[in-house]
Amino acid sequence: MSGNIIELIKEPTMKIRQLLSCYGSPLIDLVIRLWIARIFFNSGLTKINDWENTVFLFEFEYAVPILPPEIAAFFATVFELGMPILLVLGLFTRLSAIPLLAMSLVIQFVLGANNAAYDNIEHYYWMILLLVIIIKGPGMISLDRLICKKFCGGEK
């Protein structure tokens, strides 16, 4: 009797799994890319909206040890505005997620070690999402996949 119940459940379960794999996974990949892109892009917009304050923060609060504050502020802003655009497009996706992961690590473990205001559980979520992008790739809804399909003859 229990074998019949398993057989009755098995086929619809397999169809649901196929549908989720075919449609759900690509949508989740896209949502992850859009979500993390929004976070960093908005931060970049904040930086360019008040450039003097941004440089001030890089000089006194963030205190990047190697780079002058103006250069550090410039690179952070470029990465926060440029990499999210690539993530949204799904272009050079894995590569564009790496600097954002590095920034998240610095925010949490360097700034967070010195200032409790930067010690935030949300940064761990960012890191997890960025690691998913780096490890899994952009998914089916991406320019990376289209380019790879066209020129590499395969899936990305």
Protein backbone atom coordinates (compact mmCIF):
# COMPACT_ATOMS: atom_id res chain seq x y z
CA MET A 1 0.00 0.00 0.00
CA SER A 2 2.74 2.47 0.91
CA GLY A 3 4.45 1.68 -2.40
CA ASN A 4 1.35 2.91 -4.25
CA ILE A 5 1.34 6.21 -2.32
CA ILE A 6 5.02 6.75 -3.13
CA GLU A 7 4.34 6.10 -6.80
CA LEU A 8 1.40 8.53 -6.76
CA ILE A 9 3.53 11.26 -5.19
CA LYS A 10 6.69 10.55 -7.19
CA GLU A 11 5.54 11.81 -10.61
CA PRO A 12 4.05 15.17 -9.52
CA THR A 13 7.06 15.73 -7.26
CA MET A 14 9.43 15.19 -10.18
CA LYS A 15 7.43 17.62 -12.34
CA ILE A 16 7.50 20.27 -9.62
CA ARG A 17 11.26 19.80 -9.22
CA GLN A 18 11.75 20.15 -12.98
CA LEU A 19 9.65 23.34 -13.10
CA LEU A 20 11.49 24.86 -10.16
CA SER A 21 14.84 23.95 -11.63
CA CYS A 22 13.93 25.25 -15.07
CA TYR A 23 12.23 28.49 -14.06
CA GLY A 24 12.77 29.09 -10.35
CA SER A 25 16.53 28.78 -10.22
CA PRO A 26 17.22 31.29 -13.02
CA LEU A 27 14.82 33.77 -11.41
CA ILE A 28 16.48 33.38 -8.00
CA ASP A 29 19.91 33.90 -9.63
CA LEU A 30 18.63 37.11 -11.21
CA VAL A 31 17.00 38.32 -7.97
CA ILE A 32 20.26 37.75 -6.05
CA ARG A 33 22.21 39.75 -8.64
CA LEU A 34 19.64 42.58 -8.65
CA TRP A 35 19.43 42.68 -4.85
CA ILE A 36 23.15 42.93 -4.22
CA ALA A 37 23.60 45.35 -7.14
CA ARG A 38 21.02 47.70 -5.63
CA ILE A 39 22.79 47.77 -2.28
CA PHE A 40 26.17 48.72 -3.71
CA PHE A 41 24.86 51.03 -6.43
CA ASN A 42 22.91 53.07 -3.88
CA SER A 43 26.03 53.35 -1.75
CA GLY A 44 27.97 54.60 -4.79
CA LEU A 45 25.28 57.20 -5.51
CA THR A 46 25.53 58.40 -1.92
CA LYS A 47 29.27 58.82 -2.35
CA ILE A 48 29.03 60.93 -5.51
CA ASN A 49 26.17 63.03 -4.12
CA ASP A 50 28.44 64.37 -1.38
CA TRP A 51 31.99 63.94 -2.63
CA GLU A 52 33.58 66.19 0.00
CA ASN A 53 32.02 64.16 2.79
CA THR A 54 33.06 60.92 1.06
CA VAL A 55 36.70 62.00 0.94
CA PHE A 56 36.43 63.16 4.56
CA LEU A 57 35.14 59.72 5.59
CA PHE A 58 37.95 57.99 3.73
CA GLU A 59 40.47 60.26 5.41
CA PHE A 60 39.25 60.07 9.00
CA GLU A 61 36.71 57.29 9.54
CA TYR A 62 37.58 54.57 7.02
CA ALA A 63 41.29 55.46 7.15
CA VAL A 64 42.51 53.18 4.38
CA PRO A 65 46.19 52.67 5.26
CA ILE A 66 47.77 52.30 1.81
CA LEU A 67 45.94 54.72 -0.48
CA PRO A 68 45.43 58.47 -0.15
CA PRO A 69 41.79 59.21 0.82
CA GLU A 70 40.92 60.76 -2.57
CA ILE A 71 42.16 57.69 -4.47
CA ALA A 72 40.49 55.23 -2.08
CA ALA A 73 37.20 57.16 -2.32
CA PHE A 74 37.46 57.24 -6.11
CA PHE A 75 38.06 53.48 -6.43
CA ALA A 76 35.34 52.60 -3.92
CA THR A 77 32.88 54.79 -5.82
CA VAL A 78 33.87 53.38 -9.21
CA PHE A 79 33.48 49.82 -7.93
CA GLU A 80 30.17 50.58 -6.22
CA LEU A 81 28.73 52.13 -9.38
CA GLY A 82 30.36 49.96 -12.04
CA MET A 83 30.20 46.44 -10.64
CA PRO A 84 26.44 46.57 -9.94
CA ILE A 85 25.78 47.48 -13.56
CA LEU A 86 27.73 44.41 -14.64
CA LEU A 87 25.83 42.29 -12.12
CA VAL A 88 22.46 43.50 -13.41
CA LEU A 89 23.50 42.70 -16.97
CA GLY A 90 25.05 39.41 -15.95
CA LEU A 91 28.25 40.43 -17.74
CA PHE A 92 31.62 39.40 -16.28
CA THR A 93 29.45 38.47 -13.33
CA ARG A 94 31.84 36.41 -11.25
CA LEU A 95 34.65 38.88 -11.80
CA SER A 96 32.45 41.86 -10.88
CA ALA A 97 31.33 40.23 -7.64
CA ILE A 98 34.89 39.85 -6.35
CA PRO A 99 35.61 43.54 -5.58
CA LEU A 100 32.21 43.84 -3.90
CA LEU A 101 33.01 40.82 -1.75
CA ALA A 102 36.36 42.38 -0.87
CA MET A 103 34.61 45.62 0.10
CA SER A 104 32.14 43.69 2.26
CA LEU A 105 34.99 41.89 4.00
CA VAL A 106 36.76 45.19 4.68
CA ILE A 107 33.57 46.83 5.95
CA GLN A 108 32.82 43.97 8.34
CA PHE A 109 36.24 42.83 9.51
CA VAL A 110 38.40 45.96 9.26
CA LEU A 111 35.96 48.79 9.91
CA GLY A 112 33.77 46.60 12.10
CA ALA A 113 36.76 45.66 14.27
CA ASN A 114 37.40 49.34 15.02
CA ASN A 115 33.86 50.70 15.09
CA ALA A 116 30.78 48.83 16.32
CA ALA A 117 28.61 50.76 13.85
CA TYR A 118 30.18 48.75 11.01
CA ASP A 119 29.83 45.39 12.77
CA ASN A 120 26.55 44.39 11.16
CA ILE A 121 25.01 40.98 10.46
CA GLU A 122 23.75 42.34 7.13
CA HIS A 123 27.32 42.35 5.81
CA TYR A 124 27.44 38.58 6.25
CA TYR A 125 24.33 38.28 4.09
CA TRP A 126 26.02 40.38 1.41
CA MET A 127 29.06 38.12 1.56
CA ILE A 128 26.93 35.00 1.25
CA LEU A 129 25.04 36.38 -1.76
CA LEU A 130 28.26 37.49 -3.42
CA LEU A 131 29.82 34.06 -2.79
CA VAL A 132 26.76 32.43 -4.38
CA ILE A 133 27.30 34.61 -7.46
CA ILE A 134 31.03 33.88 -7.57
CA ILE A 135 30.64 30.12 -7.07
CA LYS A 136 27.43 29.48 -9.04
CA GLY A 137 27.75 32.14 -11.69
CA PRO A 138 25.13 34.48 -13.09
CA GLY A 139 22.57 31.88 -14.08
CA MET A 140 20.62 31.48 -17.30
CA ILE A 141 19.27 35.05 -17.45
CA SER A 142 22.58 36.77 -18.17
CA LEU A 143 24.75 38.12 -20.93
CA ASP A 144 27.53 35.80 -19.73
CA ARG A 145 25.38 32.80 -20.60
CA LEU A 146 24.41 34.21 -24.00
CA ILE A 147 28.04 35.00 -24.84
CA CYS A 148 29.23 31.61 -23.67
CA LYS A 149 26.46 29.85 -25.60
CA LYS A 150 27.35 31.80 -28.74
CA PHE A 151 31.14 31.62 -28.61
CA CYS A 152 31.96 28.70 -26.33
CA GLY A 153 29.24 26.41 -27.58
CA GLY A 154 28.11 25.52 -24.08
CA GLU A 155 26.56 26.51 -20.80
CA LYS A 156 28.17 28.79 -18.29
